[in-house]
Amino acid sequence: MPVFGLLFVLGATLTLGTLLVRKALLVIAVVLAPLTFAGGASRLTSGWVRRWAQVTLALIVSKLAIVVVFIVPSAWSVTPTASGHCCPG
């Protein structure tokens, strides 16, 4: 059983680290948005807007993926059985 506890702590730490890095990158993307859109006027830097939008969208969708990964199993674990109880047994 201690192995499962250690795996849980490791998973929670990795998830927290991932969310913190994601939030920092999202703040950086928002701060760089005016520079990106200003650079969109030139032909040399016109690809900045597309790349900025792709990165920002990927950061937003990654949060949704993390939420789905946690919500779906928790919803399955509290589904009532045929007898009306939340857990078998």
C-alpha atoms as a PDB file:
ATOM      1  CA  MET A   1       0.000   0.000   0.000  1.00  0.00           C
ATOM      2  CA  PRO A   2       2.781   2.532   0.594  1.00  0.00           C
ATOM      3  CA  VAL A   3       3.702   2.190  -3.073  1.00  0.00           C
ATOM      4  CA  PHE A   4       0.262   3.459  -4.113  1.00  0.00           C
ATOM      5  CA  GLY A   5       0.602   6.376  -1.699  1.00  0.00           C
ATOM      6  CA  LEU A   6       3.963   7.317  -3.167  1.00  0.00           C
ATOM      7  CA  LEU A   7       2.577   7.039  -6.695  1.00  0.00           C
ATOM      8  CA  PHE A   8      -0.340   9.261  -5.708  1.00  0.00           C
ATOM      9  CA  VAL A   9       1.977  11.902  -4.240  1.00  0.00           C
ATOM     10  CA  LEU A  10       4.201  11.751  -7.324  1.00  0.00           C
ATOM     11  CA  GLY A  11       1.199  12.103  -9.647  1.00  0.00           C
ATOM     12  CA  ALA A  12      -0.233  14.998  -7.655  1.00  0.00           C
ATOM     13  CA  THR A  13       3.140  16.762  -7.645  1.00  0.00           C
ATOM     14  CA  LEU A  14       3.572  16.302 -11.391  1.00  0.00           C
ATOM     15  CA  THR A  15       0.041  17.553 -12.042  1.00  0.00           C
ATOM     16  CA  LEU A  16       0.588  20.608  -9.853  1.00  0.00           C
ATOM     17  CA  GLY A  17       3.885  21.337 -11.611  1.00  0.00           C
ATOM     18  CA  THR A  18       2.230  20.974 -15.007  1.00  0.00           C
ATOM     19  CA  LEU A  19      -0.565  23.354 -14.056  1.00  0.00           C
ATOM     20  CA  LEU A  20       1.878  25.937 -12.669  1.00  0.00           C
ATOM     21  CA  VAL A  21       4.040  25.848 -15.817  1.00  0.00           C
ATOM     22  CA  ARG A  22       0.906  26.064 -17.979  1.00  0.00           C
ATOM     23  CA  LYS A  23      -0.330  29.104 -16.070  1.00  0.00           C
ATOM     24  CA  ALA A  24       3.051  30.834 -16.344  1.00  0.00           C
ATOM     25  CA  LEU A  25       3.186  30.189 -20.096  1.00  0.00           C
ATOM     26  CA  LEU A  26      -0.355  31.493 -20.507  1.00  0.00           C
ATOM     27  CA  VAL A  27       0.545  34.719 -18.679  1.00  0.00           C
ATOM     28  CA  ILE A  28       3.616  35.115 -20.889  1.00  0.00           C
ATOM     29  CA  ALA A  29       1.478  34.548 -24.005  1.00  0.00           C
ATOM     30  CA  VAL A  30      -0.994  37.220 -22.899  1.00  0.00           C
ATOM     31  CA  VAL A  31       1.802  39.685 -22.152  1.00  0.00           C
ATOM     32  CA  LEU A  32       3.346  39.069 -25.584  1.00  0.00           C
ATOM     33  CA  ALA A  33       0.009  39.417 -27.417  1.00  0.00           C
ATOM     34  CA  PRO A  34       0.373  43.148 -28.264  1.00  0.00           C
ATOM     35  CA  LEU A  35       3.867  42.570 -29.632  1.00  0.00           C
ATOM     36  CA  THR A  36       2.591  39.632 -31.648  1.00  0.00           C
ATOM     37  CA  PHE A  37      -0.270  41.577 -33.200  1.00  0.00           C
ATOM     38  CA  ALA A  38       1.998  44.551 -33.900  1.00  0.00           C
ATOM     39  CA  GLY A  39       4.407  42.229 -35.691  1.00  0.00           C
ATOM     40  CA  GLY A  40       1.545  40.826 -37.754  1.00  0.00           C
ATOM     41  CA  ALA A  41       1.604  43.918 -39.961  1.00  0.00           C
ATOM     42  CA  SER A  42       4.965  43.045 -41.498  1.00  0.00           C
ATOM     43  CA  ARG A  43       5.476  40.251 -44.000  1.00  0.00           C
ATOM     44  CA  LEU A  44       8.568  39.050 -42.158  1.00  0.00           C
ATOM     45  CA  THR A  45       6.696  38.561 -38.901  1.00  0.00           C
ATOM     46  CA  SER A  46       3.191  37.786 -40.144  1.00  0.00           C
ATOM     47  CA  GLY A  47       3.501  34.167 -38.939  1.00  0.00           C
ATOM     48  CA  TRP A  48       3.750  35.343 -35.340  1.00  0.00           C
ATOM     49  CA  VAL A  49       0.007  35.803 -34.980  1.00  0.00           C
ATOM     50  CA  ARG A  50      -0.760  32.287 -36.195  1.00  0.00           C
ATOM     51  CA  ARG A  51       1.882  30.717 -33.951  1.00  0.00           C
ATOM     52  CA  TRP A  52       0.773  32.796 -30.962  1.00  0.00           C
ATOM     53  CA  ALA A  53      -2.836  31.728 -31.498  1.00  0.00           C
ATOM     54  CA  GLN A  54      -1.805  28.066 -31.792  1.00  0.00           C
ATOM     55  CA  VAL A  55       0.233  28.166 -28.585  1.00  0.00           C
ATOM     56  CA  THR A  56      -2.460  30.014 -26.656  1.00  0.00           C
ATOM     57  CA  LEU A  57      -5.175  27.645 -27.854  1.00  0.00           C
ATOM     58  CA  ALA A  58      -3.015  24.639 -26.961  1.00  0.00           C
ATOM     59  CA  LEU A  59      -2.520  25.999 -23.442  1.00  0.00           C
ATOM     60  CA  ILE A  60      -6.269  26.507 -23.004  1.00  0.00           C
ATOM     61  CA  VAL A  61      -7.169  23.077 -24.398  1.00  0.00           C
ATOM     62  CA  SER A  62      -4.551  21.387 -22.213  1.00  0.00           C
ATOM     63  CA  LYS A  63      -6.446  22.558 -19.120  1.00  0.00           C
ATOM     64  CA  LEU A  64      -9.650  21.053 -20.506  1.00  0.00           C
ATOM     65  CA  ALA A  65      -7.855  17.763 -21.130  1.00  0.00           C
ATOM     66  CA  ILE A  66      -6.566  17.692 -17.548  1.00  0.00           C
ATOM     67  CA  VAL A  67     -10.059  18.392 -16.220  1.00  0.00           C
ATOM     68  CA  VAL A  68     -11.551  15.579 -18.311  1.00  0.00           C
ATOM     69  CA  VAL A  69      -8.868  13.170 -17.102  1.00  0.00           C
ATOM     70  CA  PHE A  70      -9.873  13.869 -13.485  1.00  0.00           C
ATOM     71  CA  ILE A  71     -13.643  14.281 -13.866  1.00  0.00           C
ATOM     72  CA  VAL A  72     -14.477  11.163 -15.905  1.00  0.00           C
ATOM     73  CA  PRO A  73     -12.999   8.589 -13.472  1.00  0.00           C
ATOM     74  CA  SER A  74     -14.504  10.374 -10.481  1.00  0.00           C
ATOM     75  CA  ALA A  75     -17.912  10.363 -12.169  1.00  0.00           C
ATOM     76  CA  TRP A  76     -17.555   6.638 -12.837  1.00  0.00           C
ATOM     77  CA  SER A  77     -16.685   5.960  -9.206  1.00  0.00           C
ATOM     78  CA  VAL A  78     -19.907   7.508  -7.837  1.00  0.00           C
ATOM     79  CA  THR A  79     -22.333   6.052 -10.384  1.00  0.00           C
ATOM     80  CA  PRO A  80     -25.196   4.352  -8.519  1.00  0.00           C
ATOM     81  CA  THR A  81     -25.600   0.617  -8.966  1.00  0.00           C
ATOM     82  CA  ALA A  82     -28.850  -1.176  -9.747  1.00  0.00           C
ATOM     83  CA  SER A  83     -29.660  -1.398  -6.024  1.00  0.00           C
ATOM     84  CA  GLY A  84     -29.428   2.390  -5.695  1.00  0.00           C
ATOM     85  CA  HIS A  85     -26.213   2.424  -3.640  1.00  0.00           C
ATOM     86  CA  CYS A  86     -23.246   4.415  -4.826  1.00  0.00           C
ATOM     87  CA  CYS A  87     -20.784   1.613  -4.243  1.00  0.00           C
ATOM     88  CA  PRO A  88     -21.143  -2.129  -4.833  1.00  0.00           C
ATOM     89  CA  GLY A  89     -21.328  -4.390  -1.823  1.00  0.00           C
END
